[in-house]
Amino acid sequence: MFATTDPNMIIGGLALAGLVVVAFWRLIVWVRDAPVKPDPWETDVAQKLDDPEVPETCPRCSAPQPTTAWFCEHCGRAVGPYNNMMPFLQVFSEGEVFRNGTDRNLRKRPLVIIGYFLLGIGLIPIFLAPIYWLSLINTLARKTGDQSPPPEA
């Protein structure tokens, strides 16, 4: 820190600190007093969501799932209630995340794309990362409407 004996610098620093505190307080008041958005669900939908008799559905294909299912019978997605906490089943969820990066339905948003490239740096072995990146770039280069089947290996 700079040690100063100039009273103008001390007063200026205190004034700046006071302005920061007032601005932060006004931000808190502004957020607190913001209007509350209405609930998007109707009352019957909210009751159905809370009803324990309604079966759970797959997030990908919306197929109803039994309570003891770990994977969707229709699309194969991991749907168990604790599958991300169980070491063996967690691997399938992580694999699904990586497959989504090379899927035709990849959301082409900058943050999503950067995230998939960073996943390739941190979680994929170094000798497999370039292959994953090439597949990701191929998916990004493909047009959105292009639904031709991938070439058979």
Foldseek 3Di string as FASTA:
>chain_A
DDDDPDVVVVVVVVVVVVVVVVVVVVVVVCVVPDDDDDDPDDPVVVVLVPDPVQFDADPPPRHGDDQPDQADPPPGHGDHPCQCVDVVSVVRNVVVLLVLLLDLPNDPDPVSLVVNLVCLVPPPPPVCSVVSVVSNVVSVPDDSPDPDDDDDD
